């Protein structure tokens, strides 16, 4: 109808991810505010930022996102066996949040990187800045 606010893509009951994480006791209001401040300054997805800051576990984020979007969550419980934690620790988590990627391990002269955006300009930029020798 004319003059009414649109409900949005998910309807009137849609809750923001930060609100859900607080309600579930997974983050504090202060942690949310810090992540939102980072997001305003650098961009990126809020959940990814919260996880990169160490405030939530990625698996908890995925569970909440699947509930929020009413999707089934399928995951590989042993995915960490594919990540060299010593290699990953070489990278600043703020940078990883900004570029939305996880450098998992070195394989010879190549680096295995996990991302949801394999063709993104951000990933190309990350590769050029942080992975080229």
Protein backbone atom coordinates (compact mmCIF):
# COMPACT_ATOMS: atom_id res chain seq x y z
CA UNK A 1 0.00 0.00 0.00
CA UNK A 2 1.08 3.55 -0.60
CA UNK A 3 2.76 5.28 2.33
CA UNK A 4 3.66 2.09 4.22
CA UNK A 5 7.19 1.02 5.02
CA UNK A 6 8.26 -2.09 3.09
CA UNK A 7 8.70 -5.17 5.28
CA UNK A 8 11.98 -6.11 3.67
CA UNK A 9 13.09 -9.32 2.05
CA UNK A 10 12.62 -11.41 5.20
CA UNK A 11 9.37 -10.03 6.58
CA UNK A 12 8.52 -8.08 9.69
CA UNK A 13 9.90 -10.67 12.14
CA UNK A 14 13.43 -10.49 10.74
CA UNK A 15 16.01 -9.76 13.44
CA UNK A 16 19.47 -8.40 12.86
CA UNK A 17 22.32 -10.81 13.52
CA UNK A 18 23.79 -8.67 16.31
CA UNK A 19 20.47 -8.66 18.16
CA UNK A 20 20.18 -12.44 17.90
CA UNK A 21 23.75 -13.01 19.12
CA UNK A 22 23.10 -10.80 22.16
CA UNK A 23 19.79 -12.54 22.93
CA UNK A 24 21.53 -15.92 22.81
CA UNK A 25 24.26 -14.66 25.15
CA UNK A 26 26.98 -15.20 22.57
CA UNK A 27 28.20 -11.58 22.59
CA UNK A 28 27.80 -8.49 24.75
CA UNK A 29 26.44 -5.12 23.71
CA UNK A 30 29.96 -3.70 24.06
CA UNK A 31 31.37 -6.35 21.71
CA UNK A 32 28.62 -5.60 19.19
CA UNK A 33 29.35 -1.87 19.35
CA UNK A 34 33.08 -2.48 18.79
CA UNK A 35 32.36 -4.70 15.79
CA UNK A 36 29.88 -2.18 14.35
CA UNK A 37 32.46 0.58 14.73
CA UNK A 38 35.00 -1.57 12.87
CA UNK A 39 32.40 -2.31 10.19
CA UNK A 40 31.62 1.39 9.68
CA UNK A 41 35.33 2.17 9.36
CA UNK A 42 36.51 -0.75 7.21
CA UNK A 43 33.41 -2.49 5.87
CA UNK A 44 32.81 -6.22 5.92
CA UNK A 45 30.18 -8.54 7.30
CA UNK A 46 29.32 -8.16 10.97
CA UNK A 47 29.39 -11.87 11.80
CA UNK A 48 32.76 -12.31 10.13
CA UNK A 49 34.12 -9.34 12.06
CA UNK A 50 32.84 -10.70 15.38
CA UNK A 51 34.42 -14.07 14.67
CA UNK A 52 37.70 -12.53 13.55
CA UNK A 53 37.83 -10.50 16.76
CA UNK A 54 37.41 -13.75 18.69
CA UNK A 55 34.06 -12.78 20.22
CA UNK A 56 32.18 -15.70 18.70
CA UNK A 57 33.09 -19.04 17.20
CA UNK A 58 32.44 -19.32 13.50
CA UNK A 59 30.34 -22.42 14.06
CA UNK A 60 28.09 -20.47 16.46
CA UNK A 61 27.79 -17.75 13.82
CA UNK A 62 26.81 -20.28 11.16
CA UNK A 63 24.22 -21.84 13.49
CA UNK A 64 22.66 -18.45 14.21
CA UNK A 65 22.70 -17.46 10.53
CA UNK A 66 21.03 -20.73 9.55
CA UNK A 67 18.32 -20.13 12.18
CA UNK A 68 17.92 -16.49 11.12
CA UNK A 69 17.47 -17.44 7.46
CA UNK A 70 15.60 -20.69 8.16
CA UNK A 71 18.21 -22.77 6.36
CA UNK A 72 19.64 -26.18 7.14
CA UNK A 73 23.25 -26.07 8.34
CA UNK A 74 25.62 -28.61 6.85
CA UNK A 75 29.28 -28.46 7.76
CA UNK A 76 32.40 -30.53 7.92
CA UNK A 77 33.13 -31.10 11.62
CA UNK A 78 36.82 -31.71 11.00
CA UNK A 79 37.47 -28.73 8.73
CA UNK A 80 40.21 -27.53 11.08
CA UNK A 81 42.33 -30.48 10.01
CA UNK A 82 42.66 -28.66 6.67
CA UNK A 83 43.99 -25.48 8.32
CA UNK A 84 47.58 -25.03 9.47
CA UNK A 85 47.00 -22.96 12.61
CA UNK A 86 50.65 -21.89 12.77
CA UNK A 87 50.36 -20.51 9.25
CA UNK A 88 47.01 -18.85 9.99
CA UNK A 89 48.43 -17.11 13.08
CA UNK A 90 50.84 -15.18 10.83
CA UNK A 91 47.91 -12.99 9.72
CA UNK A 92 46.20 -10.17 11.57
CA UNK A 93 42.55 -11.12 12.20
CA UNK A 94 41.44 -7.57 11.35
CA UNK A 95 43.02 -7.95 7.92
CA UNK A 96 41.35 -11.33 7.40
CA UNK A 97 37.98 -9.83 8.34
CA UNK A 98 38.53 -6.98 5.91
CA UNK A 99 39.40 -9.30 3.05
CA UNK A 100 36.91 -12.03 4.07
CA UNK A 101 39.29 -14.92 3.65
CA UNK A 102 41.12 -17.59 5.63
CA UNK A 103 44.62 -18.51 4.49
CA UNK A 104 44.61 -22.19 5.46
CA UNK A 105 48.04 -23.55 4.55
CA UNK A 106 50.99 -23.37 2.24
CA UNK A 107 51.25 -26.07 -0.42
CA UNK A 108 54.64 -25.69 -2.03
CA UNK A 109 54.62 -22.28 -3.70
CA UNK A 110 50.82 -22.03 -3.43
CA UNK A 111 48.58 -21.01 -0.56
CA UNK A 112 45.18 -22.59 0.07
CA UNK A 113 42.71 -19.82 0.94
CA UNK A 114 39.11 -20.32 2.04
CA UNK A 115 36.61 -17.64 1.05
CA UNK A 116 32.98 -17.23 0.08
CA UNK A 117 34.02 -14.90 -2.73
CA UNK A 118 36.68 -16.60 -4.88
CA UNK A 119 36.38 -14.11 -7.75
CA UNK A 120 36.37 -10.98 -5.62
CA UNK A 121 38.63 -7.98 -6.01
CA UNK A 122 39.24 -8.17 -2.24
CA UNK A 123 40.75 -11.64 -2.57
CA UNK A 124 42.99 -10.54 -5.44
CA UNK A 125 44.15 -7.57 -3.39
CA UNK A 126 44.80 -9.78 -0.32
CA UNK A 127 46.79 -12.19 -2.46
CA UNK A 128 48.90 -9.40 -3.95
CA UNK A 129 49.57 -7.68 -0.61
CA UNK A 130 50.05 -10.62 1.74
CA UNK A 131 50.79 -13.79 -0.21
CA UNK A 132 53.22 -12.79 -2.94
CA UNK A 133 56.85 -13.52 -2.08
